[in-house]
Amino acid sequence: MRKGAYLVNLSRGEVVDEDALYEALKSGHLAGAALDVFSQEPYAGPLVQLDNVVLTPHIGSYARESRLEMEIRAVKNLIEAIGDQSLQ
């Protein structure tokens, strides 16, 4: 990554090498990072010691809007599944 960049990972913990990220942050190569997912959860590694990191406990989808959208999609999927069953 470019010097001074910020890394944000909300996808999968395994995508980021956490040891390399720690070194890049500590050395100042990266300006900061925000992580909601980790290779091992709950996270207990050295990133917690850095001031230029925001760590959240896998709660990125807990916003009211995202939860509402998830519930609506789940109901729509259920209705579709029930409709498909009645056609058989």
PDB file of N, CA and C in Angstrom:
ATOM      1  N   MET A   1       0.855  -1.193   0.000  1.00  0.00           N
ATOM      2  CA  MET A   1       0.000   0.000   0.000  1.00  0.00           C
ATOM      3  C   MET A   1       0.891   1.243   0.000  1.00  0.00           C
ATOM      4  N   ARG A   2       0.325   2.311  -0.527  1.00  0.00           N
ATOM      5  CA  ARG A   2       1.031   3.576  -0.607  1.00  0.00           C
ATOM      6  C   ARG A   2       1.309   4.121   0.794  1.00  0.00           C
ATOM      7  N   LYS A   3       2.481   4.751   0.984  1.00  0.00           N
ATOM      8  CA  LYS A   3       2.838   5.343   2.270  1.00  0.00           C
ATOM      9  C   LYS A   3       1.777   6.369   2.666  1.00  0.00           C
ATOM     10  N   GLY A   4       1.351   6.307   3.906  1.00  0.00           N
ATOM     11  CA  GLY A   4       0.362   7.238   4.421  1.00  0.00           C
ATOM     12  C   GLY A   4      -1.080   6.799   4.219  1.00  0.00           C
ATOM     13  N   ALA A   5      -1.280   5.642   3.588  1.00  0.00           N
ATOM     14  CA  ALA A   5      -2.632   5.152   3.331  1.00  0.00           C
ATOM     15  C   ALA A   5      -3.271   4.619   4.608  1.00  0.00           C
ATOM     16  N   TYR A   6      -4.581   4.473   4.550  1.00  0.00           N
ATOM     17  CA  TYR A   6      -5.352   3.845   5.620  1.00  0.00           C
ATOM     18  C   TYR A   6      -5.902   2.524   5.103  1.00  0.00           C
ATOM     19  N   LEU A   7      -5.887   1.503   5.935  1.00  0.00           N
ATOM     20  CA  LEU A   7      -6.443   0.203   5.562  1.00  0.00           C
ATOM     21  C   LEU A   7      -7.740  -0.004   6.342  1.00  0.00           C
ATOM     22  N   VAL A   8      -8.778  -0.422   5.635  1.00  0.00           N
ATOM     23  CA  VAL A   8     -10.058  -0.749   6.264  1.00  0.00           C
ATOM     24  C   VAL A   8     -10.415  -2.161   5.843  1.00  0.00           C
ATOM     25  N   ASN A   9     -10.658  -3.040   6.812  1.00  0.00           N
ATOM     26  CA  ASN A   9     -11.068  -4.412   6.492  1.00  0.00           C
ATOM     27  C   ASN A   9     -12.362  -4.734   7.222  1.00  0.00           C
ATOM     28  N   LEU A  10     -13.420  -4.908   6.429  1.00  0.00           N
ATOM     29  CA  LEU A  10     -14.725  -5.295   6.950  1.00  0.00           C
ATOM     30  C   LEU A  10     -15.180  -6.606   6.332  1.00  0.00           C
ATOM     31  N   SER A  11     -14.297  -7.252   5.559  1.00  0.00           N
ATOM     32  CA  SER A  11     -14.711  -8.440   4.806  1.00  0.00           C
ATOM     33  C   SER A  11     -14.395  -9.725   5.557  1.00  0.00           C
ATOM     34  N   ARG A  12     -13.157 -10.176   5.492  1.00  0.00           N
ATOM     35  CA  ARG A  12     -12.725 -11.413   6.155  1.00  0.00           C
ATOM     36  C   ARG A  12     -11.378 -11.160   6.824  1.00  0.00           C
ATOM     37  N   GLY A  13     -11.212 -11.688   8.017  1.00  0.00           N
ATOM     38  CA  GLY A  13      -9.975 -11.482   8.748  1.00  0.00           C
ATOM     39  C   GLY A  13      -8.751 -12.023   8.043  1.00  0.00           C
ATOM     40  N   GLU A  14      -8.900 -13.129   7.338  1.00  0.00           N
ATOM     41  CA  GLU A  14      -7.775 -13.784   6.694  1.00  0.00           C
ATOM     42  C   GLU A  14      -7.214 -12.974   5.530  1.00  0.00           C
ATOM     43  N   VAL A  15      -7.920 -11.949   5.090  1.00  0.00           N
ATOM     44  CA  VAL A  15      -7.475 -11.119   3.965  1.00  0.00           C
ATOM     45  C   VAL A  15      -6.235 -10.301   4.344  1.00  0.00           C
ATOM     46  N   VAL A  16      -6.093  -9.984   5.622  1.00  0.00           N
ATOM     47  CA  VAL A  16      -5.011  -9.117   6.091  1.00  0.00           C
ATOM     48  C   VAL A  16      -4.017  -9.916   6.931  1.00  0.00           C
ATOM     49  N   ASP A  17      -2.737  -9.746   6.615  1.00  0.00           N
ATOM     50  CA  ASP A  17      -1.668 -10.308   7.443  1.00  0.00           C
ATOM     51  C   ASP A  17      -1.502  -9.355   8.628  1.00  0.00           C
ATOM     52  N   GLU A  18      -2.031  -9.726   9.773  1.00  0.00           N
ATOM     53  CA  GLU A  18      -2.069  -8.829  10.926  1.00  0.00           C
ATOM     54  C   GLU A  18      -0.680  -8.481  11.446  1.00  0.00           C
ATOM     55  N   ASP A  19       0.266  -9.408  11.356  1.00  0.00           N
ATOM     56  CA  ASP A  19       1.643  -9.110  11.790  1.00  0.00           C
ATOM     57  C   ASP A  19       2.274  -8.060  10.878  1.00  0.00           C
ATOM     58  N   ALA A  20       2.088  -8.211   9.562  1.00  0.00           N
ATOM     59  CA  ALA A  20       2.623  -7.235   8.609  1.00  0.00           C
ATOM     60  C   ALA A  20       1.935  -5.884   8.793  1.00  0.00           C
ATOM     61  N   LEU A  21       0.634  -5.907   9.064  1.00  0.00           N
ATOM     62  CA  LEU A  21      -0.103  -4.669   9.299  1.00  0.00           C
ATOM     63  C   LEU A  21       0.449  -3.954  10.529  1.00  0.00           C
ATOM     64  N   TYR A  22       0.694  -4.687  11.572  1.00  0.00           N
ATOM     65  CA  TYR A  22       1.257  -4.106  12.803  1.00  0.00           C
ATOM     66  C   TYR A  22       2.578  -3.400  12.494  1.00  0.00           C
ATOM     67  N   GLU A  23       3.451  -4.075  11.765  1.00  0.00           N
ATOM     68  CA  GLU A  23       4.757  -3.492  11.427  1.00  0.00           C
ATOM     69  C   GLU A  23       4.598  -2.242  10.565  1.00  0.00           C
ATOM     70  N   ALA A  24       3.684  -2.288   9.590  1.00  0.00           N
ATOM     71  CA  ALA A  24       3.459  -1.141   8.706  1.00  0.00           C
ATOM     72  C   ALA A  24       2.902   0.052   9.477  1.00  0.00           C
ATOM     73  N   LEU A  25       2.062  -0.204  10.459  1.00  0.00           N
ATOM     74  CA  LEU A  25       1.499   0.867  11.279  1.00  0.00           C
ATOM     75  C   LEU A  25       2.528   1.410  12.257  1.00  0.00           C
ATOM     76  N   LYS A  26       3.258   0.528  12.882  1.00  0.00           N
ATOM     77  CA  LYS A  26       4.265   0.930  13.879  1.00  0.00           C
ATOM     78  C   LYS A  26       5.390   1.736  13.232  1.00  0.00           C
ATOM     79  N   SER A  27       5.777   1.342  12.022  1.00  0.00           N
ATOM     80  CA  SER A  27       6.868   2.039  11.334  1.00  0.00           C
ATOM     81  C   SER A  27       6.421   3.371  10.743  1.00  0.00           C
ATOM     82  N   GLY A  28       5.100   3.589  10.641  1.00  0.00           N
ATOM     83  CA  GLY A  28       4.578   4.810  10.063  1.00  0.00           C
ATOM     84  C   GLY A  28       4.326   4.714   8.574  1.00  0.00           C
ATOM     85  N   HIS A  29       4.592   3.552   7.980  1.00  0.00           N
ATOM     86  CA  HIS A  29       4.312   3.403   6.547  1.00  0.00           C
ATOM     87  C   HIS A  29       2.823   3.617   6.277  1.00  0.00           C
ATOM     88  N   LEU A  30       1.967   2.992   7.074  1.00  0.00           N
ATOM     89  CA  LEU A  30       0.528   3.227   6.981  1.00  0.00           C
ATOM     90  C   LEU A  30       0.123   4.234   8.048  1.00  0.00           C
ATOM     91  N   ALA A  31      -0.811   5.112   7.688  1.00  0.00           N
ATOM     92  CA  ALA A  31      -1.269   6.134   8.626  1.00  0.00           C
ATOM     93  C   ALA A  31      -2.212   5.570   9.673  1.00  0.00           C
ATOM     94  N   GLY A  32      -2.982   4.535   9.294  1.00  0.00           N
ATOM     95  CA  GLY A  32      -3.939   3.979  10.240  1.00  0.00           C
ATOM     96  C   GLY A  32      -4.691   2.813   9.645  1.00  0.00           C
ATOM     97  N   ALA A  33      -5.490   2.193  10.496  1.00  0.00           N
ATOM     98  CA  ALA A  33      -6.280   1.039  10.062  1.00  0.00           C
ATOM     99  C   ALA A  33      -7.552   0.968  10.884  1.00  0.00           C
ATOM    100  N   ALA A  34      -8.576   0.400  10.260  1.00  0.00           N
ATOM    101  CA  ALA A  34      -9.844   0.126  10.935  1.00  0.00           C
ATOM    102  C   ALA A  34     -10.225  -1.305  10.573  1.00  0.00           C
ATOM    103  N   LEU A  35     -10.412  -2.141  11.582  1.00  0.00           N
ATOM    104  CA  LEU A  35     -10.706  -3.560  11.370  1.00  0.00           C
ATOM    105  C   LEU A  35     -11.923  -3.969  12.167  1.00  0.00           C
ATOM    106  N   ASP A  36     -12.823  -4.686  11.501  1.00  0.00           N
ATOM    107  CA  ASP A  36     -14.005  -5.236  12.166  1.00  0.00           C
ATOM    108  C   ASP A  36     -13.956  -6.762  12.176  1.00  0.00           C
ATOM    109  N   VAL A  37     -13.001  -7.329  11.462  1.00  0.00           N
ATOM    110  CA  VAL A  37     -12.846  -8.783  11.376  1.00  0.00           C
ATOM    111  C   VAL A  37     -11.377  -9.134  11.557  1.00  0.00           C
ATOM    112  N   PHE A  38     -11.147 -10.338  12.084  1.00  0.00           N
ATOM    113  CA  PHE A  38      -9.784 -10.753  12.415  1.00  0.00           C
ATOM    114  C   PHE A  38      -9.605 -12.225  12.079  1.00  0.00           C
ATOM    115  N   SER A  39      -8.346 -12.651  11.945  1.00  0.00           N
ATOM    116  CA  SER A  39      -8.096 -14.052  11.639  1.00  0.00           C
ATOM    117  C   SER A  39      -8.519 -14.948  12.800  1.00  0.00           C
ATOM    118  N   GLN A  40      -8.389 -14.467  14.012  1.00  0.00           N
ATOM    119  CA  GLN A  40      -8.849 -15.165  15.220  1.00  0.00           C
ATOM    120  C   GLN A  40      -9.728 -14.191  16.000  1.00  0.00           C
ATOM    121  N   GLU A  41     -10.940 -14.615  16.306  1.00  0.00           N
ATOM    122  CA  GLU A  41     -11.845 -13.758  17.075  1.00  0.00           C
ATOM    123  C   GLU A  41     -12.229 -14.461  18.365  1.00  0.00           C
ATOM    124  N   PRO A  42     -12.294 -13.758  19.484  1.00  0.00           N
ATOM    125  CA  PRO A  42     -12.027 -12.337  19.633  1.00  0.00           C
ATOM    126  C   PRO A  42     -10.532 -12.035  19.468  1.00  0.00           C
ATOM    127  N   TYR A  43     -10.228 -10.847  18.958  1.00  0.00           N
ATOM    128  CA  TYR A  43      -8.851 -10.452  18.688  1.00  0.00           C
ATOM    129  C   TYR A  43      -8.140 -10.093  19.980  1.00  0.00           C
ATOM    130  N   ALA A  44      -6.914 -10.583  20.130  1.00  0.00           N
ATOM    131  CA  ALA A  44      -6.124 -10.293  21.327  1.00  0.00           C
ATOM    132  C   ALA A  44      -4.665 -10.051  20.960  1.00  0.00           C
ATOM    133  N   GLY A  45      -4.402  -9.551  19.761  1.00  0.00           N
ATOM    134  CA  GLY A  45      -3.044  -9.366  19.280  1.00  0.00           C
ATOM    135  C   GLY A  45      -2.489  -7.977  19.563  1.00  0.00           C
ATOM    136  N   PRO A  46      -1.314  -7.700  19.013  1.00  0.00           N
ATOM    137  CA  PRO A  46      -0.599  -6.456  19.311  1.00  0.00           C
ATOM    138  C   PRO A  46      -1.212  -5.191  18.709  1.00  0.00           C
ATOM    139  N   LEU A  47      -2.141  -5.316  17.773  1.00  0.00           N
ATOM    140  CA  LEU A  47      -2.752  -4.115  17.197  1.00  0.00           C
ATOM    141  C   LEU A  47      -3.486  -3.290  18.255  1.00  0.00           C
ATOM    142  N   VAL A  48      -3.914  -3.921  19.333  1.00  0.00           N
ATOM    143  CA  VAL A  48      -4.638  -3.187  20.391  1.00  0.00           C
ATOM    144  C   VAL A  48      -3.750  -2.145  21.070  1.00  0.00           C
ATOM    145  N   GLN A  49      -2.439  -2.264  20.915  1.00  0.00           N
ATOM    146  CA  GLN A  49      -1.504  -1.334  21.559  1.00  0.00           C
ATOM    147  C   GLN A  49      -1.311  -0.039  20.775  1.00  0.00           C
ATOM    148  N   LEU A  50      -1.784   0.004  19.537  1.00  0.00           N
ATOM    149  CA  LEU A  50      -1.511   1.151  18.669  1.00  0.00           C
ATOM    150  C   LEU A  50      -2.648   2.170  18.704  1.00  0.00           C
ATOM    151  N   ASP A  51      -2.266   3.445  18.707  1.00  0.00           N
ATOM    152  CA  ASP A  51      -3.251   4.533  18.731  1.00  0.00           C
ATOM    153  C   ASP A  51      -3.849   4.835  17.360  1.00  0.00           C
ATOM    154  N   ASN A  52      -3.200   4.356  16.296  1.00  0.00           N
ATOM    155  CA  ASN A  52      -3.677   4.655  14.944  1.00  0.00           C
ATOM    156  C   ASN A  52      -4.515   3.515  14.361  1.00  0.00           C
ATOM    157  N   VAL A  53      -5.144   2.737  15.256  1.00  0.00           N
ATOM    158  CA  VAL A  53      -5.979   1.609  14.834  1.00  0.00           C
ATOM    159  C   VAL A  53      -7.328   1.679  15.541  1.00  0.00           C
ATOM    160  N   VAL A  54      -8.386   1.420  14.782  1.00  0.00           N
ATOM    161  CA  VAL A  54      -9.726   1.279  15.359  1.00  0.00           C
ATOM    162  C   VAL A  54     -10.121  -0.177  15.179  1.00  0.00           C
ATOM    163  N   LEU A  55     -10.401  -0.853  16.282  1.00  0.00           N
ATOM    164  CA  LEU A  55     -10.787  -2.264  16.265  1.00  0.00           C
ATOM    165  C   LEU A  55     -12.206  -2.378  16.811  1.00  0.00           C
ATOM    166  N   THR A  56     -13.071  -3.031  16.053  1.00  0.00           N
ATOM    167  CA  THR A  56     -14.424  -3.270  16.536  1.00  0.00           C
ATOM    168  C   THR A  56     -14.672  -4.776  16.540  1.00  0.00           C
ATOM    169  N   PRO A  57     -15.460  -5.270  17.473  1.00  0.00           N
ATOM    170  CA  PRO A  57     -15.645  -6.716  17.640  1.00  0.00           C
ATOM    171  C   PRO A  57     -16.678  -7.333  16.686  1.00  0.00           C
ATOM    172  N   HIS A  58     -16.395  -7.253  15.386  1.00  0.00           N
ATOM    173  CA  HIS A  58     -17.234  -7.877  14.359  1.00  0.00           C
ATOM    174  C   HIS A  58     -18.688  -7.409  14.475  1.00  0.00           C
ATOM    175  N   ILE A  59     -18.838  -6.102  14.559  1.00  0.00           N
ATOM    176  CA  ILE A  59     -20.177  -5.522  14.702  1.00  0.00           C
ATOM    177  C   ILE A  59     -20.521  -4.563  13.573  1.00  0.00           C
ATOM    178  N   GLY A  60     -19.783  -4.625  12.476  1.00  0.00           N
ATOM    179  CA  GLY A  60     -20.004  -3.702  11.365  1.00  0.00           C
ATOM    180  C   GLY A  60     -21.408  -3.736  10.804  1.00  0.00           C
ATOM    181  N   SER A  61     -22.074  -4.860  10.927  1.00  0.00           N
ATOM    182  CA  SER A  61     -23.429  -4.956  10.357  1.00  0.00           C
ATOM    183  C   SER A  61     -24.516  -4.630  11.378  1.00  0.00           C
ATOM    184  N   TYR A  62     -24.155  -4.107  12.523  1.00  0.00           N
ATOM    185  CA  TYR A  62     -25.155  -3.856  13.555  1.00  0.00           C
ATOM    186  C   TYR A  62     -25.843  -2.500  13.452  1.00  0.00           C
ATOM    187  N   ALA A  63     -25.568  -1.751  12.396  1.00  0.00           N
ATOM    188  CA  ALA A  63     -26.263  -0.474  12.215  1.00  0.00           C
ATOM    189  C   ALA A  63     -27.751  -0.754  11.979  1.00  0.00           C
ATOM    190  N   ARG A  64     -28.590   0.127  12.435  1.00  0.00           N
ATOM    191  CA  ARG A  64     -30.040  -0.048  12.305  1.00  0.00           C
ATOM    192  C   ARG A  64     -30.429  -0.284  10.845  1.00  0.00           C
ATOM    193  N   GLU A  65     -29.862   0.508   9.933  1.00  0.00           N
ATOM    194  CA  GLU A  65     -30.212   0.398   8.520  1.00  0.00           C
ATOM    195  C   GLU A  65     -29.811  -0.961   7.939  1.00  0.00           C
ATOM    196  N   SER A  66     -28.630  -1.434   8.283  1.00  0.00           N
ATOM    197  CA  SER A  66     -28.195  -2.723   7.721  1.00  0.00           C
ATOM    198  C   SER A  66     -29.007  -3.875   8.305  1.00  0.00           C
ATOM    199  N   ARG A  67     -29.343  -3.806   9.572  1.00  0.00           N
ATOM    200  CA  ARG A  67     -30.169  -4.855  10.180  1.00  0.00           C
ATOM    201  C   ARG A  67     -31.559  -4.881   9.551  1.00  0.00           C
ATOM    202  N   LEU A  68     -32.136  -3.720   9.320  1.00  0.00           N
ATOM    203  CA  LEU A  68     -33.450  -3.645   8.690  1.00  0.00           C
ATOM    204  C   LEU A  68     -33.389  -4.246   7.284  1.00  0.00           C
ATOM    205  N   GLU A  69     -32.367  -3.892   6.511  1.00  0.00           N
ATOM    206  CA  GLU A  69     -32.221  -4.431   5.164  1.00  0.00           C
ATOM    207  C   GLU A  69     -32.033  -5.950   5.203  1.00  0.00           C
ATOM    208  N   MET A  70     -31.268  -6.461   6.151  1.00  0.00           N
ATOM    209  CA  MET A  70     -31.083  -7.913   6.285  1.00  0.00           C
ATOM    210  C   MET A  70     -32.408  -8.603   6.590  1.00  0.00           C
ATOM    211  N   GLU A  71     -33.206  -8.007   7.467  1.00  0.00           N
ATOM    212  CA  GLU A  71     -34.501  -8.593   7.823  1.00  0.00           C
ATOM    213  C   GLU A  71     -35.451  -8.595   6.631  1.00  0.00           C
ATOM    214  N   ILE A  72     -35.472  -7.501   5.882  1.00  0.00           N
ATOM    215  CA  ILE A  72     -36.334  -7.427   4.697  1.00  0.00           C
ATOM    216  C   ILE A  72     -35.919  -8.479   3.673  1.00  0.00           C
ATOM    217  N   ARG A  73     -34.622  -8.613   3.431  1.00  0.00           N
ATOM    218  CA  ARG A  73     -34.147  -9.620   2.471  1.00  0.00           C
ATOM    219  C   ARG A  73     -34.477 -11.033   2.941  1.00  0.00           C
ATOM    220  N   ALA A  74     -34.350 -11.284   4.240  1.00  0.00           N
ATOM    221  CA  ALA A  74     -34.663 -12.611   4.762  1.00  0.00           C
ATOM    222  C   ALA A  74     -36.136 -12.947   4.538  1.00  0.00           C
ATOM    223  N   VAL A  75     -37.020 -11.986   4.790  1.00  0.00           N
ATOM    224  CA  VAL A  75     -38.457 -12.212   4.591  1.00  0.00           C
ATOM    225  C   VAL A  75     -38.756 -12.428   3.114  1.00  0.00           C
ATOM    226  N   LYS A  76     -38.149 -11.627   2.240  1.00  0.00           N
ATOM    227  CA  LYS A  76     -38.357 -11.799   0.799  1.00  0.00           C
ATOM    228  C   LYS A  76     -37.881 -13.180   0.349  1.00  0.00           C
ATOM    229  N   ASN A  77     -36.739 -13.626   0.846  1.00  0.00           N
ATOM    230  CA  ASN A  77     -36.233 -14.956   0.501  1.00  0.00           C
ATOM    231  C   ASN A  77     -37.180 -16.054   0.983  1.00  0.00           C
ATOM    232  N   LEU A  78     -37.730 -15.880   2.173  1.00  0.00           N
ATOM    233  CA  LEU A  78     -38.680 -16.845   2.710  1.00  0.00           C
ATOM    234  C   LEU A  78     -39.942 -16.904   1.857  1.00  0.00           C
ATOM    235  N   ILE A  79     -40.453 -15.741   1.490  1.00  0.00           N
ATOM    236  CA  ILE A  79     -41.653 -15.687   0.645  1.00  0.00           C
ATOM    237  C   ILE A  79     -41.385 -16.355  -0.696  1.00  0.00           C
ATOM    238  N   GLU A  80     -40.218 -16.098  -1.292  1.00  0.00           N
ATOM    239  CA  GLU A  80     -39.866 -16.734  -2.554  1.00  0.00           C
ATOM    240  C   GLU A  80     -39.776 -18.263  -2.409  1.00  0.00           C
ATOM    241  N   ALA A  81     -39.171 -18.717  -1.331  1.00  0.00           N
ATOM    242  CA  ALA A  81     -39.022 -20.164  -1.097  1.00  0.00           C
ATOM    243  C   ALA A  81     -40.385 -20.812  -0.925  1.00  0.00           C
ATOM    244  N   ILE A  82     -41.268 -20.166  -0.164  1.00  0.00           N
ATOM    245  CA  ILE A  82     -42.612 -20.707   0.034  1.00  0.00           C
ATOM    246  C   ILE A  82     -43.361 -20.733  -1.294  1.00  0.00           C
ATOM    247  N   GLY A  83     -43.215 -19.673  -2.099  1.00  0.00           N
ATOM    248  CA  GLY A  83     -43.853 -19.635  -3.411  1.00  0.00           C
ATOM    249  C   GLY A  83     -43.329 -20.729  -4.319  1.00  0.00           C
ATOM    250  N   ASP A  84     -42.046 -20.992  -4.296  1.00  0.00           N
ATOM    251  CA  ASP A  84     -41.465 -22.069  -5.106  1.00  0.00           C
ATOM    252  C   ASP A  84     -41.985 -23.420  -4.665  1.00  0.00           C
ATOM    253  N   GLN A  85     -42.181 -23.610  -3.360  1.00  0.00           N
ATOM    254  CA  GLN A  85     -42.678 -24.890  -2.839  1.00  0.00           C
ATOM    255  C   GLN A  85     -44.110 -25.136  -3.290  1.00  0.00           C
ATOM    256  N   SER A  86     -44.905 -24.065  -3.352  1.00  0.00           N
ATOM    257  CA  SER A  86     -46.321 -24.247  -3.716  1.00  0.00           C
ATOM    258  C   SER A  86     -46.480 -24.568  -5.204  1.00  0.00           C
ATOM    259  N   LEU A  87     -45.467 -24.297  -6.004  1.00  0.00           N
ATOM    260  CA  LEU A  87     -45.513 -24.594  -7.429  1.00  0.00           C
ATOM    261  C   LEU A  87     -45.212 -26.061  -7.727  1.00  0.00           C
ATOM    262  N   GLN A  88     -44.673 -26.756  -6.736  1.00  0.00           N
ATOM    263  CA  GLN A  88     -44.281 -28.150  -6.973  1.00  0.00           C
ATOM    264  C   GLN A  88     -45.430 -29.112  -6.789  1.00  0.00           C
TER     265      GLN A  88
END
